[in-house]
Amino acid sequence: MLRLIATSLCLRCQHVPVLPSDLRACSTLSSVENQQTVEALYELSVDIQKVRKLKGWVLHQNPTYTKEVAGLLRNMGASGPIIAHILAVHPEAVLCNPDQLQTQQELWMSVCPNHRELIGVIEKFPASFFTASSHHENQRKNIAYFQSLNLNKRIITKLMASAPQSFGRPVEQNQLMVCTLQQAYKELGGDEANMKIWLQKLMSQNPFVLLKPPEMLRQNLVFLKNRGFTTSELLRLLSKLRGFVTELNPDSMCRTLAFSQEAIGCSDAELREIILNCPALLYYPESTLTERFEGLFSAGISMSQIIQTPTVLELTTQIVNYRINRLKARGYDISAGSLDIINGTKKDFEMSFGKLQLRRERPLFNPVAPLKADD
């Protein structure tokens, strides 16, 4: 009997929800649902079953501020369905007290042009807006720092939404990473007049670049330089990698480069040229590259075609087969032509495919053929 009781208690403990540390200080956990919270969410047409399934612990908290949160969102122009969606996917919002939300709104409006755009951000990234009040001072300092760099407000908004961790930590950490990026840009021969645009583009393409250790960036650049890339080529790579240079490490790049060189059968100089045209080869693992090479070969594509258009390796095997099959249906032999037609984004392919179809459907005009006259 005692063993059964002990087992029952252990199982029950495993199902007790853990309250996030950011909100533990201001909420208490009850064994039953907070009926005021449940009724308020029902009135707002929130999917309660979804909340119970994914984040049921929120319904056991006290106090909550459901009506106040909904009121703030409504005052900023959010419709009923949008409010219901936000609270269904991020019910933790009801644990934020009104004073905290007011401060958060003021911080975000210092970079958002209007309430409509802020509601759009909250709808997509609710966890970035409904953060703990302990982060407000760091947020304020980080916003001021990025504004001092004369970065576009939309870029700062995107950074806050996509990588809120960057704004919740001490500003000195962001300053160190930004200085490292600026220093690398200048050392590689970048034009200082264009540095702000380059930095904006880098951070907008990969907002998480700020969260990586600055030392990782330096190690990767040293590794690539030792592989024979010139400073101008390194600057091209740094720009083309879109900030993902910090996601790499020398060991993984060494393995990938060795695999690619053996698979392609090229010299070091030829490999560098291929990498410059397709930097993605630096971060794809061998298993991914193996699958993509085999997929291209099975579709009748030669290695010489891949070398001429290496960016085709950025496409998954499924996408390549789909595009080739559509071209075959129109009588186009991919093995005898350029891979440019299947390369690029979906929009790029549809445009190329449309032009090909138009050329094949357009009748040829014979200038010496007699014109038909009306009877």
Protein backbone atom coordinates (compact mmCIF):
# COMPACT_ATOMS: atom_id res chain seq x y z
CA MET A 1 0.00 0.00 0.00
CA LEU A 2 2.75 2.45 0.91
CA ARG A 3 4.53 1.63 -2.34
CA LEU A 4 1.34 2.38 -4.31
CA ILE A 5 0.89 5.70 -2.52
CA ALA A 6 4.53 6.67 -3.18
CA THR A 7 4.18 5.74 -6.86
CA SER A 8 0.98 7.78 -7.17
CA LEU A 9 2.63 10.82 -5.62
CA CYS A 10 5.63 10.54 -7.96
CA LEU A 11 3.39 10.37 -11.02
CA ARG A 12 1.40 13.37 -9.82
CA CYS A 13 4.60 15.38 -9.26
CA GLN A 14 5.71 14.66 -12.82
CA HIS A 15 2.57 16.39 -14.13
CA VAL A 16 2.84 19.53 -12.00
CA PRO A 17 3.52 22.38 -14.48
CA VAL A 18 6.67 24.42 -14.01
CA LEU A 19 6.11 28.15 -14.02
CA PRO A 20 8.68 30.12 -16.05
CA SER A 21 11.19 31.85 -13.80
CA ASP A 22 10.31 35.27 -15.28
CA LEU A 23 6.78 35.05 -13.86
CA ARG A 24 7.20 33.03 -10.66
CA ALA A 25 7.64 36.08 -8.46
CA CYS A 26 4.29 37.65 -9.43
CA SER A 27 2.00 34.58 -9.71
CA THR A 28 1.00 31.69 -7.50
CA LEU A 29 0.07 28.19 -8.65
CA SER A 30 -3.26 26.65 -7.63
CA SER A 31 -4.40 23.05 -7.89
CA VAL A 32 -7.60 24.14 -9.63
CA GLU A 33 -8.18 26.38 -12.62
CA ASN A 34 -8.75 30.09 -12.07
CA GLN A 35 -12.40 30.38 -13.15
CA GLN A 36 -12.15 34.14 -13.66
CA THR A 37 -9.35 33.57 -16.17
CA VAL A 38 -11.24 30.80 -17.95
CA GLU A 39 -14.46 32.85 -18.18
CA ALA A 40 -12.58 35.94 -19.42
CA LEU A 41 -10.87 33.88 -22.13
CA TYR A 42 -14.22 32.34 -23.13
CA GLU A 43 -15.71 35.83 -23.49
CA LEU A 44 -12.84 36.71 -25.83
CA SER A 45 -13.49 33.57 -27.94
CA VAL A 46 -10.09 32.13 -27.07
CA ASP A 47 -9.62 28.42 -27.85
CA ILE A 48 -9.57 27.17 -24.24
CA GLN A 49 -8.97 23.56 -25.25
CA LYS A 50 -5.82 24.61 -27.10
CA VAL A 51 -4.63 26.53 -24.04
CA ARG A 52 -5.32 23.55 -21.77
CA LYS A 53 -3.46 21.20 -24.08
CA LEU A 54 -0.37 23.31 -24.70
CA LYS A 55 -0.05 25.62 -21.67
CA GLY A 56 -2.66 24.55 -19.17
CA TRP A 57 -0.53 25.74 -16.25
CA VAL A 58 -1.47 29.34 -17.12
CA LEU A 59 -5.09 28.64 -16.16
CA HIS A 60 -3.94 27.72 -12.63
CA GLN A 61 -2.24 31.08 -11.97
CA ASN A 62 -3.40 33.89 -9.74
CA PRO A 63 -3.57 36.82 -10.24
CA THR A 64 -4.16 37.22 -13.98
CA TYR A 65 -4.94 40.28 -16.08
CA THR A 66 -6.90 38.89 -19.01
CA LYS A 67 -9.26 41.82 -19.48
CA GLU A 68 -6.49 44.38 -19.06
CA VAL A 69 -4.29 42.65 -21.68
CA ALA A 70 -7.21 42.41 -24.11
CA GLY A 71 -8.02 46.10 -23.46
CA LEU A 72 -4.47 47.19 -24.25
CA LEU A 73 -4.45 45.20 -27.49
CA ARG A 74 -7.89 46.55 -28.43
CA ASN A 75 -6.78 50.14 -27.79
CA MET A 76 -3.90 49.60 -30.20
CA GLY A 77 -6.36 48.54 -32.90
CA ALA A 78 -6.38 44.74 -32.59
CA SER A 79 -9.61 43.08 -33.68
CA GLY A 80 -11.41 40.41 -31.63
CA PRO A 81 -10.09 37.46 -33.71
CA ILE A 82 -6.52 38.78 -33.48
CA ILE A 83 -6.77 39.15 -29.68
CA ALA A 84 -8.18 35.62 -29.43
CA HIS A 85 -5.35 34.25 -31.58
CA ILE A 86 -2.63 36.02 -29.55
CA LEU A 87 -3.99 34.75 -26.23
CA ALA A 88 -4.44 31.22 -27.58
CA VAL A 89 -0.85 30.86 -28.80
CA HIS A 90 0.69 32.83 -25.92
CA PRO A 91 -1.66 32.69 -22.90
CA GLU A 92 1.22 33.71 -20.61
CA ALA A 93 0.35 37.24 -21.69
CA VAL A 94 -2.44 37.32 -19.08
CA LEU A 95 0.20 37.10 -16.31
CA CYS A 96 1.71 40.48 -17.26
CA ASN A 97 0.45 43.27 -15.05
CA PRO A 98 -0.88 46.47 -16.69
CA ASP A 99 2.02 48.70 -15.54
CA GLN A 100 4.50 46.26 -17.07
CA LEU A 101 2.56 46.22 -20.34
CA GLN A 102 2.38 50.01 -20.46
CA THR A 103 6.16 50.23 -20.15
CA GLN A 104 6.59 47.56 -22.80
CA GLN A 105 4.28 49.40 -25.18
CA GLU A 106 6.24 52.63 -24.74
CA LEU A 107 9.54 50.82 -25.43
CA TRP A 108 8.23 49.23 -28.62
CA MET A 109 6.61 52.44 -29.86
CA SER A 110 10.03 54.10 -29.71
CA VAL A 111 10.96 51.97 -32.76
CA CYS A 112 7.57 51.05 -34.28
CA PRO A 113 6.06 53.72 -36.57
CA ASN A 114 2.46 53.10 -35.46
CA HIS A 115 0.17 50.84 -33.41
CA ARG A 116 -0.98 48.88 -36.46
CA GLU A 117 2.55 47.66 -37.14
CA LEU A 118 3.12 46.89 -33.46
CA ILE A 119 -0.02 44.71 -33.41
CA GLY A 120 1.34 42.90 -36.48
CA VAL A 121 4.58 42.20 -34.60
CA ILE A 122 2.73 41.01 -31.47
CA GLU A 123 0.55 38.71 -33.57
CA LYS A 124 3.62 37.02 -35.08
CA PHE A 125 5.96 37.23 -32.07
CA PRO A 126 3.83 37.49 -28.90
CA ALA A 127 6.59 36.11 -26.66
CA SER A 128 8.85 38.98 -27.71
CA PHE A 129 6.37 41.59 -26.50
CA PHE A 130 5.08 39.91 -23.34
CA THR A 131 8.42 39.67 -21.52
CA ALA A 132 9.35 40.03 -17.87
CA SER A 133 9.69 43.52 -16.39
CA SER A 134 13.22 42.63 -15.28
CA HIS A 135 14.28 43.01 -18.92
CA HIS A 136 12.97 46.54 -19.41
CA GLU A 137 16.14 48.38 -18.42
CA ASN A 138 18.28 46.22 -20.74
CA GLN A 139 15.74 46.68 -23.52
CA ARG A 140 15.83 50.44 -23.09
CA LYS A 141 19.64 50.58 -23.19
CA ASN A 142 19.87 48.26 -26.20
CA ILE A 143 17.29 50.24 -28.15
CA ALA A 144 19.25 53.44 -27.43
CA TYR A 145 22.48 51.75 -28.55
CA PHE A 146 21.09 50.53 -31.88
CA GLN A 147 19.52 53.92 -32.48
CA SER A 148 22.94 55.50 -31.88
CA LEU A 149 24.23 53.37 -34.78
CA ASN A 150 21.63 55.11 -36.98
CA LEU A 151 20.07 51.78 -37.86
CA ASN A 152 16.69 51.83 -39.57
CA LYS A 153 13.84 51.59 -37.05
CA ARG A 154 12.34 48.67 -38.96
CA ILE A 155 15.62 46.77 -38.56
CA ILE A 156 15.60 47.40 -34.81
CA THR A 157 11.97 46.25 -34.63
CA LYS A 158 12.84 43.08 -36.53
CA LEU A 159 15.74 42.38 -34.18
CA MET A 160 13.53 42.88 -31.10
CA ALA A 161 10.86 40.60 -32.54
CA SER A 162 13.04 37.81 -33.96
CA ALA A 163 15.79 37.73 -31.34
CA PRO A 164 14.39 39.25 -28.13
CA GLN A 165 17.23 37.62 -26.15
CA SER A 166 19.55 40.21 -27.69
CA PHE A 167 17.59 43.00 -26.01
CA GLY A 168 17.08 41.26 -22.68
CA ARG A 169 20.81 40.99 -21.99
CA PRO A 170 23.36 43.70 -21.06
CA VAL A 171 24.04 46.18 -23.84
CA GLU A 172 27.80 45.61 -23.51
CA GLN A 173 27.47 42.13 -25.05
CA ASN A 174 25.80 43.53 -28.16
CA GLN A 175 28.34 46.32 -28.38
CA LEU A 176 31.17 43.77 -28.38
CA MET A 177 29.64 41.72 -31.22
CA VAL A 178 28.79 44.76 -33.33
CA CYS A 179 32.33 46.13 -32.88
CA THR A 180 33.74 42.74 -33.92
CA LEU A 181 31.63 42.75 -37.09
CA GLN A 182 32.60 46.33 -37.90
CA GLN A 183 36.28 45.59 -37.32
CA ALA A 184 36.12 42.49 -39.55
CA TYR A 185 34.40 44.50 -42.29
CA LYS A 186 37.07 47.21 -42.23
CA GLU A 187 40.00 44.76 -42.01
CA LEU A 188 38.69 42.93 -45.08
CA GLY A 189 38.68 46.14 -47.09
CA GLY A 190 35.04 47.14 -46.76
CA ASP A 191 34.08 50.71 -47.63
CA GLU A 192 33.37 52.54 -44.39
CA ALA A 193 30.73 54.65 -46.14
CA ASN A 194 28.70 51.50 -46.79
CA MET A 195 29.31 49.87 -43.40
CA LYS A 196 25.95 50.91 -41.90
CA ILE A 197 24.01 49.41 -44.84
CA TRP A 198 26.15 46.25 -44.71
CA LEU A 199 25.58 45.86 -40.97
CA GLN A 200 21.82 46.44 -41.32
CA LYS A 201 21.57 43.82 -44.05
CA LEU A 202 23.62 41.32 -42.06
CA MET A 203 21.52 41.65 -38.91
CA SER A 204 18.19 41.70 -40.73
CA GLN A 205 19.04 38.48 -42.59
CA ASN A 206 20.18 36.72 -39.42
CA PRO A 207 19.06 38.50 -36.22
CA PHE A 208 20.70 35.76 -34.11
CA VAL A 209 24.17 36.83 -35.26
CA LEU A 210 24.36 39.06 -32.17
CA LEU A 211 23.95 36.09 -29.84
CA LYS A 212 27.05 34.27 -31.06
CA PRO A 213 30.49 34.58 -29.43
CA PRO A 214 32.65 37.17 -31.22
CA GLU A 215 35.56 34.72 -31.04
CA MET A 216 33.67 32.30 -33.31
CA LEU A 217 33.59 34.92 -36.08
CA ARG A 218 37.34 35.50 -35.79
CA GLN A 219 38.14 31.75 -35.82
CA ASN A 220 36.06 31.17 -38.93
CA LEU A 221 37.66 34.05 -40.83
CA VAL A 222 41.15 32.85 -39.88
CA PHE A 223 40.29 29.32 -41.05
CA LEU A 224 39.01 30.53 -44.42
CA LYS A 225 42.01 32.80 -44.87
CA ASN A 226 44.31 29.83 -44.27
CA ARG A 227 42.41 27.96 -47.00
CA GLY A 228 43.55 30.54 -49.53
CA PHE A 229 40.69 33.03 -49.65
CA THR A 230 41.85 36.61 -50.18
CA THR A 231 40.57 39.50 -48.06
CA SER A 232 38.23 40.68 -50.84
CA GLU A 233 36.91 37.13 -51.25
CA LEU A 234 36.39 36.85 -47.50
CA LEU A 235 34.36 40.07 -47.56
CA ARG A 236 32.21 38.60 -50.35
CA LEU A 237 31.71 35.44 -48.30
CA LEU A 238 30.92 37.38 -45.14
CA SER A 239 28.23 39.28 -47.04
CA LYS A 240 26.84 36.27 -48.95
CA LEU A 241 26.65 34.07 -45.87
CA ARG A 242 24.14 36.62 -44.51
CA GLY A 243 25.42 36.51 -40.97
CA PHE A 244 25.48 32.72 -40.87
CA VAL A 245 29.27 32.84 -40.74
CA THR A 246 28.86 32.78 -36.96
CA GLU A 247 26.89 29.51 -37.21
CA LEU A 248 29.95 27.74 -38.66
CA ASN A 249 33.04 26.33 -37.02
CA PRO A 250 36.45 25.31 -38.45
CA ASP A 251 35.95 21.58 -37.82
CA SER A 252 32.65 21.31 -39.69
CA MET A 253 33.93 23.50 -42.56
CA CYS A 254 37.05 21.35 -42.86
CA ARG A 255 34.95 18.18 -43.22
CA THR A 256 32.53 19.76 -45.68
CA LEU A 257 35.28 21.22 -47.86
CA ALA A 258 37.14 17.89 -47.96
CA PHE A 259 33.96 16.05 -48.95
CA SER A 260 33.02 18.60 -51.63
CA GLN A 261 36.50 18.58 -53.16
CA GLU A 262 36.57 14.79 -53.36
CA ALA A 263 33.03 14.59 -54.77
CA ILE A 264 33.64 17.26 -57.40
CA GLY A 265 37.24 16.29 -58.15
CA CYS A 266 38.58 19.82 -58.35
CA SER A 267 41.67 21.75 -57.30
CA ASP A 268 41.85 24.04 -54.25
CA ALA A 269 41.51 27.12 -56.48
CA GLU A 270 38.49 25.66 -58.29
CA LEU A 271 36.89 24.75 -54.97
CA ARG A 272 37.33 28.31 -53.70
CA GLU A 273 35.60 29.65 -56.82
CA ILE A 274 32.71 27.23 -56.33
CA ILE A 275 32.39 28.26 -52.67
CA LEU A 276 32.31 31.94 -53.65
CA ASN A 277 29.40 31.19 -55.99
CA CYS A 278 27.67 28.89 -53.49
CA PRO A 279 28.71 29.71 -49.89
CA ALA A 280 26.02 27.32 -48.62
CA LEU A 281 28.48 24.48 -49.30
CA LEU A 282 30.33 25.61 -46.18
CA TYR A 283 27.54 24.71 -43.79
CA TYR A 284 25.76 21.75 -45.40
CA PRO A 285 26.73 18.46 -43.69
CA GLU A 286 28.12 15.60 -45.78
CA SER A 287 24.85 13.65 -45.53
CA THR A 288 22.88 16.51 -47.07
CA LEU A 289 25.40 17.02 -49.87
CA THR A 290 25.48 13.29 -50.60
CA GLU A 291 21.70 13.20 -50.97
CA ARG A 292 21.67 16.24 -53.25
CA PHE A 293 24.51 15.07 -55.49
CA GLU A 294 22.84 11.67 -55.89
CA GLY A 295 19.49 13.29 -56.60
CA LEU A 296 20.96 15.46 -59.35
CA PHE A 297 22.85 12.55 -60.92
CA SER A 298 19.73 10.35 -60.93
CA ALA A 299 17.89 13.14 -62.77
CA GLY A 300 20.48 12.99 -65.56
CA ILE A 301 22.47 16.06 -64.53
CA SER A 302 26.25 15.92 -64.96
CA MET A 303 28.98 17.11 -62.62
CA SER A 304 30.09 19.72 -65.19
CA GLN A 305 26.60 21.24 -65.09
CA ILE A 306 26.70 21.35 -61.27
CA ILE A 307 30.11 23.07 -61.34
CA GLN A 308 28.74 25.72 -63.72
CA THR A 309 25.69 26.33 -61.48
CA PRO A 310 26.68 25.16 -57.97
CA THR A 311 23.80 27.03 -56.31
CA VAL A 312 21.54 24.22 -57.53
CA LEU A 313 22.89 22.34 -54.47
CA GLU A 314 20.92 24.75 -52.28
CA LEU A 315 17.70 23.14 -53.54
CA THR A 316 16.30 20.00 -51.94
CA THR A 317 16.03 16.85 -54.05
CA GLN A 318 12.22 17.11 -53.93
CA ILE A 319 12.26 20.64 -55.37
CA VAL A 320 14.74 19.67 -58.10
CA ASN A 321 12.67 16.64 -59.17
CA TYR A 322 9.45 18.66 -59.17
CA ARG A 323 10.94 21.36 -61.39
CA ILE A 324 12.60 18.88 -63.75
CA ASN A 325 9.34 16.94 -64.16
CA ARG A 326 7.49 20.13 -65.07
CA LEU A 327 10.14 20.94 -67.64
CA LYS A 328 10.02 17.42 -69.08
CA ALA A 329 6.27 17.75 -69.55
CA ARG A 330 7.03 20.72 -71.80
CA GLY A 331 9.64 18.80 -73.75
CA TYR A 332 12.68 20.45 -72.15
CA ASP A 333 15.74 18.22 -71.69
CA ILE A 334 17.55 19.46 -68.59
CA SER A 335 20.58 17.22 -69.21
CA ALA A 336 21.34 19.08 -72.45
CA GLY A 337 20.92 22.63 -71.20
CA SER A 338 21.78 25.04 -68.42
CA LEU A 339 20.67 24.47 -64.85
CA ASP A 340 19.85 28.16 -64.50
CA ILE A 341 16.26 27.39 -65.47
CA ILE A 342 15.68 25.25 -62.35
CA ASN A 343 17.80 27.41 -60.07
CA GLY A 344 16.70 30.07 -57.61
CA THR A 345 13.54 30.68 -55.63
CA LYS A 346 10.06 29.48 -56.51
CA LYS A 347 9.32 32.88 -58.02
CA ASP A 348 12.52 32.72 -60.12
CA PHE A 349 11.59 29.27 -61.45
CA GLU A 350 8.01 30.24 -62.28
CA MET A 351 9.28 33.23 -64.26
CA SER A 352 11.80 31.09 -66.19
CA PHE A 353 9.19 28.39 -66.78
CA GLY A 354 6.68 30.97 -68.00
CA LYS A 355 9.16 32.42 -70.48
CA LEU A 356 10.01 28.94 -71.75
CA GLN A 357 6.33 28.09 -72.19
CA LEU A 358 5.69 31.40 -73.96
CA ARG A 359 8.55 30.78 -76.44
CA ARG A 360 7.19 27.33 -77.25
CA GLU A 361 3.59 28.49 -77.71
CA ARG A 362 4.33 31.64 -79.73
CA PRO A 363 3.88 30.95 -83.48
CA LEU A 364 6.81 31.71 -85.75
CA PHE A 365 6.29 34.62 -88.14
CA ASN A 366 7.34 33.97 -91.72
CA PRO A 367 7.98 37.34 -93.40
CA VAL A 368 7.72 35.90 -96.95
CA ALA A 369 4.53 33.90 -96.42
CA PRO A 370 1.50 35.39 -98.22
CA LEU A 371 -1.03 37.10 -96.00
CA LYS A 372 -4.59 35.79 -95.98
CA ALA A 373 -6.99 38.30 -97.48
CA ASP A 374 -10.62 38.60 -96.46
CA ASP A 375 -13.10 37.25 -99.05
